[in-house]
Structures are given as C-alpha cells and as structure tokens.
Protein backbone atom coordinates (compact mmCIF):
# COMPACT_ATOMS: atom_id res chain seq x y z
CA MET A 1 14.90 -9.48 -4.51
CA HIS A 2 15.59 -11.07 -7.84
CA MET A 3 11.87 -11.92 -8.34
CA GLU A 4 10.93 -8.17 -7.45
CA SER A 5 13.29 -6.97 -10.15
CA GLU A 6 11.88 -9.37 -12.71
CA SER A 7 8.27 -8.29 -11.76
CA ARG A 8 9.34 -4.55 -11.88
CA ALA A 9 10.91 -5.22 -15.29
CA GLN A 10 7.72 -6.87 -16.55
CA TYR A 11 5.54 -3.98 -15.51
CA GLU A 12 8.09 -1.42 -16.90
CA TRP A 13 8.04 -3.31 -20.21
CA ILE A 14 4.20 -3.18 -20.37
CA ALA A 15 4.19 0.46 -19.55
CA LEU A 16 6.77 1.39 -22.14
CA ARG A 17 4.69 -0.60 -24.77
CA CYS A 18 1.54 1.38 -23.64
CA GLN A 19 3.52 4.67 -23.84
CA ALA A 20 4.54 3.81 -27.35
CA GLY A 21 1.06 3.18 -28.41
CA GLU A 22 1.74 -0.53 -29.26
CA PRO A 23 -1.48 -2.25 -30.24
CA GLY A 24 -2.62 -4.74 -27.64
CA ALA A 25 -0.35 -3.33 -24.93
CA PHE A 26 -3.06 -1.79 -22.78
CA GLU A 27 -5.17 -4.94 -23.06
CA ASP A 28 -2.10 -6.74 -21.83
CA LEU A 29 -1.85 -4.40 -18.97
CA ILE A 30 -5.59 -4.84 -18.09
CA ALA A 31 -5.14 -8.56 -18.25
CA VAL A 32 -2.29 -8.56 -15.72
CA MET A 33 -3.69 -5.85 -13.30
CA GLU A 34 -7.48 -6.03 -13.56
CA ARG A 35 -7.94 -8.67 -10.81
CA PRO A 36 -5.56 -7.08 -8.16
CA LEU A 37 -7.00 -3.60 -8.80
CA LEU A 38 -10.54 -4.86 -8.51
CA TYR A 39 -9.75 -6.66 -5.20
CA TYR A 40 -8.09 -3.48 -3.97
CA ALA A 41 -11.02 -1.30 -4.94
CA MET A 42 -13.47 -3.80 -3.29
CA SER A 43 -11.46 -3.82 -0.08
CA LEU A 44 -11.71 -0.06 0.06
CA THR A 45 -15.28 0.48 -1.01
CA GLY A 46 -16.75 -2.68 0.51
CA ASN A 47 -19.07 -2.97 -2.51
CA GLN A 48 -18.55 -4.76 -5.83
CA ASP A 49 -20.61 -2.41 -7.89
CA SER A 50 -18.75 0.64 -6.52
CA ALA A 51 -15.44 -1.18 -7.01
CA LEU A 52 -16.34 -1.84 -10.67
CA ASP A 53 -17.11 1.81 -11.15
CA VAL A 54 -13.93 2.88 -9.52
CA LEU A 55 -11.95 0.37 -11.61
CA GLN A 56 -13.66 1.53 -14.87
CA GLU A 57 -12.63 5.23 -13.95
CA ALA A 58 -9.18 4.09 -13.09
CA TRP A 59 -8.61 2.44 -16.45
CA ILE A 60 -9.87 5.47 -18.29
CA LYS A 61 -7.61 7.71 -16.21
CA ALA A 62 -4.66 5.34 -16.72
CA PHE A 63 -5.33 5.14 -20.45
CA ARG A 64 -5.31 8.99 -20.76
CA GLY A 65 -2.39 9.45 -18.45
CA ILE A 66 0.06 6.57 -18.98
CA ARG A 67 2.16 8.57 -21.59
CA LYS A 68 2.97 11.13 -18.66
CA LEU A 69 4.19 8.32 -16.37
CA ARG A 70 7.73 9.42 -15.83
CA ASP A 71 9.13 6.20 -14.39
CA PRO A 72 7.49 3.15 -16.21
CA GLY A 73 9.01 0.90 -13.40
CA THR A 74 6.41 2.51 -10.96
CA LEU A 75 3.48 1.36 -13.11
CA ARG A 76 1.77 -0.86 -10.41
CA GLN A 77 2.23 1.84 -7.66
CA TRP A 78 0.78 4.48 -10.06
CA LEU A 79 -2.21 2.23 -10.82
CA TYR A 80 -2.84 1.63 -7.23
CA SER A 81 -2.62 5.38 -6.45
CA ILE A 82 -5.22 6.12 -9.18
CA THR A 83 -7.41 3.43 -7.87
CA HIS A 84 -6.83 4.56 -4.18
CA GLY A 85 -7.78 8.11 -5.20
CA LEU A 86 -11.01 7.30 -6.98
CA ALA A 87 -12.09 4.95 -4.29
CA VAL A 88 -11.61 7.56 -1.53
CA ASP A 89 -13.48 10.02 -3.52
CA ARG A 90 -16.35 7.66 -4.13
CA ILE A 91 -16.47 6.88 -0.41
CA ARG A 92 -16.50 10.64 0.45
CA LYS A 93 -19.37 11.33 -1.99
CA ASN A 94 -21.44 8.54 -0.79
CA SER A 95 -20.40 8.34 2.77
CA SER A 96 -23.82 8.32 4.48
CA ARG A 97 -25.20 5.64 2.04
CA GLU A 98 -22.12 3.57 2.07
CA HIS A 99 -22.08 3.68 5.90
CA ALA A 100 -25.68 2.52 6.05
CA GLU A 101 -24.84 -0.40 3.68
CA LYS A 102 -21.78 -1.26 5.72
CA VAL A 103 -23.70 -1.41 9.00
CA GLN A 104 -26.34 -3.55 7.28
CA TYR A 105 -23.63 -5.88 5.93
CA GLU A 106 -22.00 -6.17 9.34
CA ASP A 107 -25.34 -6.97 11.05
CA PHE A 108 -25.80 -9.65 8.39
CA GLN A 109 -22.21 -11.03 8.98
CA GLU A 110 -22.91 -11.23 12.69
CA ALA A 111 -26.12 -13.07 12.35
CA GLU A 112 -24.29 -15.91 10.51
CA GLU A 113 -22.40 -18.56 12.27
CA PRO A 114 -18.96 -18.88 10.91
CA SER A 115 -18.49 -22.35 9.40
CA PHE A 116 -14.68 -22.27 8.46
CA ALA A 117 -11.27 -22.68 10.13
CA ALA A 118 -9.36 -19.55 10.91
CA GLU A 119 -6.68 -20.38 8.38
CA ASP A 120 -9.21 -20.50 5.56
CA ALA A 121 -8.83 -17.78 3.02
CA ALA A 122 -12.47 -16.93 3.32
CA ALA A 123 -12.11 -16.11 7.00
CA VAL A 124 -9.23 -13.73 6.20
CA HIS A 125 -11.27 -11.95 3.65
CA ALA A 126 -14.25 -11.76 5.92
CA ALA A 127 -11.90 -10.38 8.74
CA LEU A 128 -10.50 -7.74 6.28
CA ASN A 129 -14.06 -6.38 5.83
CA GLN A 130 -14.33 -5.87 9.61
CA ILE A 131 -11.28 -3.67 10.06
CA GLY A 132 -11.03 0.02 9.31
CA LEU A 133 -10.28 1.41 5.88
CA HIS A 134 -6.71 2.67 6.66
CA HIS A 135 -5.81 -0.72 8.17
CA ARG A 136 -7.43 -2.71 5.43
CA GLU A 137 -5.85 -0.89 2.51
CA VAL A 138 -2.29 -1.25 3.78
CA LEU A 139 -2.63 -5.01 4.59
CA VAL A 140 -4.08 -5.59 1.17
CA LEU A 141 -1.20 -3.62 -0.62
CA HIS A 142 1.44 -5.23 1.62
CA PHE A 143 0.52 -8.88 1.87
CA LEU A 144 -1.79 -9.52 -1.10
CA GLU A 145 -0.35 -7.10 -3.68
CA ASP A 146 3.27 -7.30 -2.37
CA LEU A 147 4.02 -3.56 -2.47
CA SER A 148 6.98 -2.29 -0.40
CA LEU A 149 6.38 0.10 2.54
CA LYS A 150 7.70 2.96 0.36
CA GLU A 151 5.32 2.08 -2.46
CA ILE A 152 2.32 1.81 -0.11
CA ALA A 153 3.20 5.26 1.59
CA LYS A 154 3.00 6.84 -1.88
CA VAL A 155 -0.22 5.05 -2.83
CA VAL A 156 -2.02 6.10 0.29
CA GLY A 157 -0.42 9.40 0.91
CA CYS A 158 1.38 9.00 4.28
CA SER A 159 4.86 8.28 5.62
CA GLU A 160 6.46 4.88 5.72
CA GLY A 161 6.47 4.95 9.61
CA THR A 162 2.58 5.45 9.43
CA VAL A 163 2.34 2.48 7.10
CA LYS A 164 4.36 0.32 9.47
CA SER A 165 2.14 1.42 12.32
CA ARG A 166 -1.00 0.73 10.33
CA ILE A 167 0.25 -2.69 9.41
CA HIS A 168 1.07 -3.48 12.99
CA TYR A 169 -2.36 -2.45 14.38
CA ALA A 170 -4.17 -4.02 11.35
CA LYS A 171 -2.43 -7.37 11.97
CA ARG A 172 -3.35 -7.15 15.66
CA GLN A 173 -6.99 -6.50 14.79
CA MET A 174 -7.10 -9.43 12.29
CA LYS A 175 -5.59 -11.78 14.93
CA LYS A 176 -8.36 -10.75 17.38
CA ILE A 177 -11.01 -11.23 14.92
CA LEU A 178 -9.72 -14.60 13.57
CA GLU A 179 -9.31 -15.89 17.02
CA GLY A 180 -12.74 -14.85 18.02
CA GLU A 181 -14.19 -16.77 15.11
CA ARG A 182 -12.13 -19.83 15.87
CA HIS A 183 -13.31 -19.72 19.45
CA GLY A 184 -16.90 -19.32 18.16
CA THR A 185 -16.60 -22.50 16.00
CA THR A 186 -15.18 -24.75 18.74
CA ASN A 187 -18.06 -24.17 21.06
CA GLU A 188 -20.57 -25.55 18.75
C-alpha cells in the first residue's frame, strides 16, 4: 500500500507540473508512461503500427486536456482511458481489415513450433495475443500495469464485478493456452 501511494504521488506531481505548464513536465510524463501505454495499445490493437498511431493520438489528446484533469492523482487511469477509447475506436473503424490480419497472424503462430518454456515471458505475451480483447485488456491493466479493479473498471467502462469475472476467465484461458504449449514442447 505504501508503494502504491508513492507511485500515485509521483504521477500526481507530474500531472500538477503539466497543468502548471512547467517546461519539460510533459516530456517527463511521456518518459514515464510511453512504454506501458504503447504495450497496452499493442495488446488491444494487435498491431504495432496501429498502436503507435493510437499512442500518438493519445498524447495529443492528453496534452490538450491535461489542464482539465480534476484529480491529478488519477493521471495513469486517465491516460489508460484515453488510450483505451482511441484503440477501441480504431478497432471498430478497421474491424474487417484488423480481423483479416489477426486471422493471418494466428495462422502464422500455429504454424510455428513453440520453442520456449511456459514460464518464459515470451510465452505469456504470445498467449495474451490468443485471448479475446476484453480478457486481454483487464489482464494487462491488472497484472502488468498494476491498476486496481476500480481503476480498470473506469478505464474499460464496466463494473468492478465484470472486471473480476473477466480476470478470472482470462486467467483460465491463459492457463489452458500455456499448458497446451508446454505439452506441445515435451512431445518433441
């Protein structure tokens, strides 16, 4: 809990600096949040180019709107909400093209023999790409970005109960995928 309040204070301080127009403050914000937001955008869009476009739009929206952020302590949640909204809009606009690319990517993944242990981070990231968007987004936000259930609910626009349910089912899916890959490598 102590670490969480230090982290919140750090982000709150950056937000206040940005709101005050302090030179270099927005660059500091980008330095701290760019990688996690890019990873989140990639986990939603499934495509690095789309994720980079989403992130660019998110930074523009954040730059224009940060002075209106009422609670600077919710900076991370606010940035994830912006990124989430833009990613979902992009997915909706390009759904047929994105779907075709995803099917092609999944076929490519299935053609390759996995050459890693289940506990390897690469296996986890590959497994994330195989689960549905709603499950993937809550896992990334909860386990990789360390957002609370309440924060995730606000980011993705659903109840905390729905977030808990999605995390539960996502973990089950991940376990099946990772166990399947482990069994696939031991038979070689």
